[in-house]
Amino acid sequence: MSDDATAFVPGHITGFFSAHPDDDPAVAGSRGAGLTLSHGVTVTVKPAPEPATFLDDEPVEMPPVADVLQTLGVSATVRAESELPLGAGFGVSGAMALGTALAANAVFDCGRSENELVTVAHEAEVRAGTGLGDVVAQARGGLPIRVEPGAPNHGRMDGISARPRVEYVAFGGLSTAEILSGDTTALTDAGESALEALRARPTLDRFLAESRRFARDADLLTDRVAAAIEDVRETGGDGSMAMLGETVFAVGTGLSDAGYDAESCRVHAAGATLRDD
């Protein structure tokens, strides 16, 4: 057992999705597509007599993290530093769960494979109701397409071959659990249609177009998000809404060109990984 270990997990923005619940959390998940970000979450795990979780030096209740530690049978202090806001559609809770799994496995010499650790984190997210597809996407990196739902041994992934610059502006959060606990028929129909169209032509332009259509058809657009997307498109840029948050993302410099004080990063080429330091 080592003193501590640190993992980096990229942020993840979902452009569109369809929910696929199941009694088995390894089988449950979502189909859809998104992009991972070079901005993400750094998670450090250190053995401790009593488990505790901190986000940006503040103590937090994070059920997926507690679930991961319990599943691995370890007790630790988990300290996460995030470049991204919590609850705004960037997959921060999924990143914390996955980072905890990777780092705890290293610290406590649990002997779990990468797929097993991704499964542990994915199941924790599903049980907590905080996400359905972030963990598997964050483990892969790039612009992942979730062809079939579930953890690695159940789901199936593909991707879009592109690595653009990304800008984003977060106006606020939306409740993932609240949206997913309601009637998701329209959302699922829109997500399935978008996925079919993207798989027929898996390009960045098609991803953005289908993401915009999904946000509209699933009735998730807020006024501020809709206005920002329109502003981006009027500058000749392209963008959409992050699921699920009141967040706008754009490729290139669309948000800055439209006058927004946007954060800038790139698509993360690789998935979550342990850090050497």
Protein backbone atom coordinates (compact mmCIF):
# COMPACT_ATOMS: atom_id res chain seq x y z
CA MET A 1 0.00 0.00 0.00
CA SER A 2 1.38 3.40 -1.03
CA ASP A 3 0.93 6.77 0.70
CA ASP A 4 -1.40 8.16 -1.97
CA ALA A 5 -2.21 8.14 -5.67
CA THR A 6 -3.64 10.70 -8.09
CA ALA A 7 -5.76 10.31 -11.22
CA PHE A 8 -6.89 12.82 -13.84
CA VAL A 9 -10.31 12.40 -15.40
CA PRO A 10 -11.42 14.62 -18.32
CA GLY A 11 -14.67 16.50 -18.12
CA HIS A 12 -17.43 15.19 -20.36
CA ILE A 13 -20.20 17.04 -22.18
CA THR A 14 -23.08 14.98 -23.52
CA GLY A 15 -24.67 16.42 -26.65
CA PHE A 16 -27.59 13.99 -26.76
CA PHE A 17 -28.62 10.73 -25.14
CA SER A 18 -31.38 8.22 -24.55
CA ALA A 19 -31.86 6.67 -21.12
CA HIS A 20 -31.81 2.89 -20.71
CA PRO A 21 -32.60 1.90 -17.11
CA ASP A 22 -32.11 -1.63 -15.80
CA ASP A 23 -32.24 -3.34 -12.42
CA ASP A 24 -28.56 -4.23 -12.93
CA PRO A 25 -26.55 -0.98 -12.71
CA ALA A 26 -23.80 -2.49 -14.90
CA VAL A 27 -26.33 -2.96 -17.69
CA ALA A 28 -28.16 0.36 -17.17
CA GLY A 29 -26.83 3.43 -18.91
CA SER A 30 -27.41 5.60 -21.93
CA ARG A 31 -26.85 5.70 -25.66
CA GLY A 32 -25.65 8.94 -27.18
CA ALA A 33 -22.62 11.05 -27.97
CA GLY A 34 -20.47 13.77 -26.45
CA LEU A 35 -16.99 15.14 -26.11
CA THR A 36 -14.36 14.93 -23.40
CA LEU A 37 -12.45 18.01 -22.29
CA SER A 38 -8.84 18.78 -21.44
CA HIS A 39 -10.37 20.59 -18.45
CA GLY A 40 -11.26 18.00 -15.87
CA VAL A 41 -10.96 16.70 -12.32
CA THR A 42 -7.81 15.66 -10.46
CA VAL A 43 -8.51 13.12 -7.70
CA THR A 44 -6.07 12.14 -4.95
CA VAL A 45 -6.79 9.19 -2.67
CA LYS A 46 -4.99 8.70 0.64
CA PRO A 47 -5.67 5.93 3.21
CA ALA A 48 -7.56 7.17 6.29
CA PRO A 49 -9.35 5.55 9.26
CA GLU A 50 -12.64 7.21 8.27
CA PRO A 51 -13.68 8.04 4.69
CA ALA A 52 -14.04 11.71 3.74
CA THR A 53 -14.49 13.55 0.44
CA PHE A 54 -13.41 17.07 -0.45
CA LEU A 55 -14.02 19.08 -3.62
CA ASP A 56 -11.78 22.12 -4.04
CA ASP A 57 -10.86 21.88 -0.32
CA GLU A 58 -14.51 21.91 0.80
CA PRO A 59 -16.07 18.82 2.43
CA VAL A 60 -18.84 17.39 0.24
CA GLU A 61 -21.35 14.57 0.28
CA MET A 62 -20.65 12.62 -2.89
CA PRO A 63 -22.56 9.31 -2.87
CA PRO A 64 -20.82 7.84 -5.96
CA VAL A 65 -17.40 8.32 -4.31
CA ALA A 66 -18.57 6.72 -1.06
CA ASP A 67 -20.06 3.85 -3.10
CA VAL A 68 -16.76 3.26 -4.93
CA LEU A 69 -14.78 3.11 -1.68
CA GLN A 70 -17.30 0.71 -0.16
CA THR A 71 -17.30 -1.54 -3.22
CA LEU A 72 -13.49 -1.71 -3.18
CA GLY A 73 -13.56 -2.34 0.58
CA VAL A 74 -11.24 0.53 1.49
CA SER A 75 -11.30 3.65 3.67
CA ALA A 76 -9.68 6.84 2.40
CA THR A 77 -9.68 10.58 2.16
CA VAL A 78 -10.58 11.66 -1.37
CA ARG A 79 -9.53 15.14 -2.46
CA ALA A 80 -10.72 16.39 -5.83
CA GLU A 81 -9.74 19.58 -7.62
CA SER A 82 -12.03 20.53 -10.49
CA GLU A 83 -11.56 23.02 -13.31
CA LEU A 84 -15.28 22.60 -14.00
CA PRO A 85 -18.44 23.52 -12.05
CA LEU A 86 -20.47 20.82 -10.33
CA GLY A 87 -23.99 20.11 -11.59
CA ALA A 88 -23.68 22.00 -14.87
CA GLY A 89 -23.34 19.13 -17.35
CA PHE A 90 -19.59 18.42 -17.18
CA GLY A 91 -19.65 14.99 -15.52
CA VAL A 92 -17.86 16.11 -12.35
CA SER A 93 -19.47 13.48 -10.13
CA GLY A 94 -18.63 10.77 -12.65
CA ALA A 95 -15.07 12.06 -12.83
CA MET A 96 -14.77 11.93 -9.05
CA ALA A 97 -16.10 8.38 -8.95
CA LEU A 98 -13.81 7.16 -11.73
CA GLY A 99 -10.78 9.01 -10.37
CA THR A 100 -11.43 7.51 -6.95
CA ALA A 101 -11.64 4.00 -8.42
CA LEU A 102 -8.38 4.37 -10.36
CA ALA A 103 -6.44 5.99 -7.52
CA ALA A 104 -7.80 3.71 -4.76
CA ASN A 105 -6.93 0.64 -6.80
CA ALA A 106 -3.34 1.89 -6.99
CA VAL A 107 -3.07 2.94 -3.34
CA PHE A 108 -4.57 -0.20 -1.84
CA ASP A 109 -3.29 -2.65 -4.49
CA CYS A 110 -6.82 -3.91 -5.13
CA GLY A 111 -5.76 -5.78 -8.26
CA ARG A 112 -8.75 -4.68 -10.35
CA SER A 113 -8.51 -4.32 -14.13
CA GLU A 114 -9.34 -1.06 -15.91
CA ASN A 115 -12.69 -2.40 -17.11
CA GLU A 116 -13.54 -3.55 -13.59
CA LEU A 117 -12.71 -0.10 -12.17
CA VAL A 118 -14.78 1.66 -14.82
CA THR A 119 -17.65 -0.71 -13.98
CA VAL A 120 -17.36 0.06 -10.26
CA ALA A 121 -17.54 3.81 -10.96
CA HIS A 122 -20.33 3.46 -13.55
CA GLU A 123 -22.47 1.40 -11.18
CA ALA A 124 -21.93 3.95 -8.40
CA GLU A 125 -23.13 6.77 -10.67
CA VAL A 126 -26.20 4.83 -11.76
CA ARG A 127 -27.14 3.93 -8.19
CA ALA A 128 -26.75 7.56 -7.10
CA GLY A 129 -28.86 8.83 -10.01
CA THR A 130 -26.18 11.34 -10.97
CA GLY A 131 -25.32 10.03 -14.42
CA LEU A 132 -25.78 7.26 -16.95
CA GLY A 133 -22.98 7.63 -19.49
CA ASP A 134 -20.28 10.01 -18.25
CA VAL A 135 -18.00 7.41 -16.68
CA VAL A 136 -17.64 5.17 -19.72
CA ALA A 137 -17.09 8.21 -21.94
CA GLN A 138 -14.49 9.68 -19.58
CA ALA A 139 -12.65 6.38 -19.52
CA ARG A 140 -12.43 6.42 -23.33
CA GLY A 141 -11.67 10.09 -24.12
CA GLY A 142 -12.00 11.86 -27.48
CA LEU A 143 -15.51 12.33 -28.89
CA PRO A 144 -17.16 9.10 -27.76
CA ILE A 145 -20.31 7.61 -29.22
CA ARG A 146 -22.09 5.33 -26.77
CA VAL A 147 -23.54 2.77 -29.17
CA GLU A 148 -24.92 0.47 -26.47
CA PRO A 149 -25.58 1.35 -22.83
CA GLY A 150 -23.81 0.00 -19.78
CA ALA A 151 -20.39 -0.63 -18.30
CA PRO A 152 -17.49 -1.89 -20.49
CA ASN A 153 -18.44 -5.58 -20.48
CA HIS A 154 -22.00 -4.69 -21.53
CA GLY A 155 -21.80 -1.43 -23.47
CA ARG A 156 -20.23 -0.72 -26.84
CA MET A 157 -18.37 2.45 -27.86
CA ASP A 158 -17.35 4.20 -31.07
CA GLY A 159 -16.13 7.73 -31.67
CA ILE A 160 -15.80 10.74 -33.95
CA SER A 161 -12.34 11.32 -35.37
CA ALA A 162 -11.83 15.00 -34.47
CA ARG A 163 -9.97 16.98 -31.80
CA PRO A 164 -11.32 20.56 -31.95
CA ARG A 165 -10.86 23.48 -29.61
CA VAL A 166 -13.88 23.86 -27.34
CA GLU A 167 -15.37 26.88 -25.57
CA TYR A 168 -18.07 26.78 -22.93
CA VAL A 169 -20.15 29.03 -20.69
CA ALA A 170 -22.06 27.66 -17.69
CA PHE A 171 -25.10 29.71 -16.65
CA GLY A 172 -26.23 27.24 -13.98
CA GLY A 173 -27.18 23.65 -13.21
CA LEU A 174 -30.06 21.31 -13.94
CA SER A 175 -31.04 18.30 -11.81
CA THR A 176 -30.05 15.10 -13.59
CA ALA A 177 -31.93 12.96 -11.07
CA GLU A 178 -35.11 15.05 -11.41
CA ILE A 179 -35.12 14.93 -15.21
CA LEU A 180 -34.35 11.21 -15.38
CA SER A 181 -37.01 10.36 -12.78
CA GLY A 182 -39.78 11.96 -14.86
CA ASP A 183 -41.33 10.92 -18.18
CA THR A 184 -38.35 10.40 -20.50
CA THR A 185 -40.30 9.20 -23.56
CA ALA A 186 -39.73 12.34 -25.64
CA LEU A 187 -36.12 12.52 -24.52
CA THR A 188 -35.43 8.89 -25.41
CA ASP A 189 -37.14 9.17 -28.82
CA ALA A 190 -35.12 12.30 -29.65
CA GLY A 191 -31.90 10.67 -28.47
CA GLU A 192 -32.42 7.52 -30.51
CA SER A 193 -33.17 9.58 -33.63
CA ALA A 194 -30.04 11.68 -33.11
CA LEU A 195 -27.85 8.62 -32.60
CA GLU A 196 -29.14 6.97 -35.78
CA ALA A 197 -28.37 10.12 -37.77
CA LEU A 198 -24.89 10.49 -36.28
CA ARG A 199 -23.94 6.85 -36.88
CA ALA A 200 -24.94 7.30 -40.53
CA ARG A 201 -22.45 10.19 -40.77
CA PRO A 202 -20.14 10.34 -37.71
CA THR A 203 -18.74 13.85 -38.16
CA LEU A 204 -18.34 16.81 -35.81
CA ASP A 205 -20.82 18.91 -37.83
CA ARG A 206 -23.45 16.18 -37.66
CA PHE A 207 -22.87 15.75 -33.91
CA LEU A 208 -23.48 19.45 -33.28
CA ALA A 209 -26.56 19.58 -35.51
CA GLU A 210 -28.11 16.52 -33.86
CA SER A 211 -27.27 17.87 -30.39
CA ARG A 212 -29.15 21.09 -31.14
CA ARG A 213 -32.12 19.17 -32.52
CA PHE A 214 -32.15 16.91 -29.47
CA ALA A 215 -32.15 19.83 -27.02
CA ARG A 216 -35.12 21.33 -28.83
CA ASP A 217 -37.10 18.11 -29.34
CA ALA A 218 -36.51 16.94 -25.75
CA ASP A 219 -37.75 20.35 -24.50
CA LEU A 220 -34.59 20.98 -22.46
CA LEU A 221 -33.52 24.36 -23.89
CA THR A 222 -33.67 27.31 -21.53
CA ASP A 223 -34.01 30.86 -22.82
CA ARG A 224 -30.42 31.79 -21.95
CA VAL A 225 -28.99 28.70 -23.61
CA ALA A 226 -31.12 29.14 -26.74
CA ALA A 227 -30.04 32.78 -27.05
CA ALA A 228 -26.35 31.92 -26.66
CA ILE A 229 -26.52 29.16 -29.27
CA GLU A 230 -28.19 31.56 -31.69
CA ASP A 231 -25.50 34.18 -30.99
CA VAL A 232 -22.78 31.63 -31.75
CA ARG A 233 -24.41 30.59 -35.01
CA GLU A 234 -24.80 34.21 -36.11
CA THR A 235 -21.00 34.58 -35.88
CA GLY A 236 -20.57 31.57 -38.17
CA GLY A 237 -19.73 29.24 -35.29
CA ASP A 238 -21.46 26.11 -34.10
CA GLY A 239 -22.50 24.84 -30.69
CA SER A 240 -25.19 23.32 -28.53
CA MET A 241 -26.33 22.64 -24.96
CA ALA A 242 -24.57 20.38 -22.46
CA MET A 243 -26.70 17.56 -21.03
CA LEU A 244 -27.71 18.03 -18.34
CA GLY A 245 -26.84 21.58 -17.38
CA GLU A 246 -27.63 25.15 -18.32
CA THR A 247 -24.38 25.23 -20.25
CA VAL A 248 -23.52 26.18 -23.83
CA PHE A 249 -20.53 24.68 -25.63
CA ALA A 250 -19.11 25.64 -29.00
CA VAL A 251 -16.28 24.44 -31.20
CA GLY A 252 -13.63 26.95 -32.17
CA THR A 253 -14.07 30.50 -30.89
CA GLY A 254 -17.81 30.87 -31.39
CA LEU A 255 -18.70 31.98 -27.86
CA SER A 256 -15.81 34.45 -27.59
CA ASP A 257 -16.61 35.83 -31.02
CA ALA A 258 -20.20 36.33 -29.86
CA GLY A 259 -19.04 38.39 -26.88
CA TYR A 260 -19.28 35.81 -24.11
CA ASP A 261 -16.66 35.42 -21.38
CA ALA A 262 -16.03 31.79 -22.27
CA GLU A 263 -13.64 29.19 -20.93
CA SER A 264 -11.44 27.56 -23.56
CA CYS A 265 -9.90 24.08 -23.77
CA ARG A 266 -9.56 21.22 -26.23
CA VAL A 267 -11.04 17.78 -26.71
CA HIS A 268 -9.06 15.41 -24.50
CA ALA A 269 -7.29 12.91 -26.72
CA ALA A 270 -7.09 10.14 -24.10
CA GLY A 271 -9.29 8.90 -21.29
CA ALA A 272 -8.83 8.92 -17.54
CA THR A 273 -5.39 7.99 -16.29
CA LEU A 274 -3.23 7.76 -13.20
CA ARG A 275 -0.62 10.48 -12.79
CA ASP A 276 3.02 9.67 -12.19
CA ASP A 277 3.52 12.42 -9.64
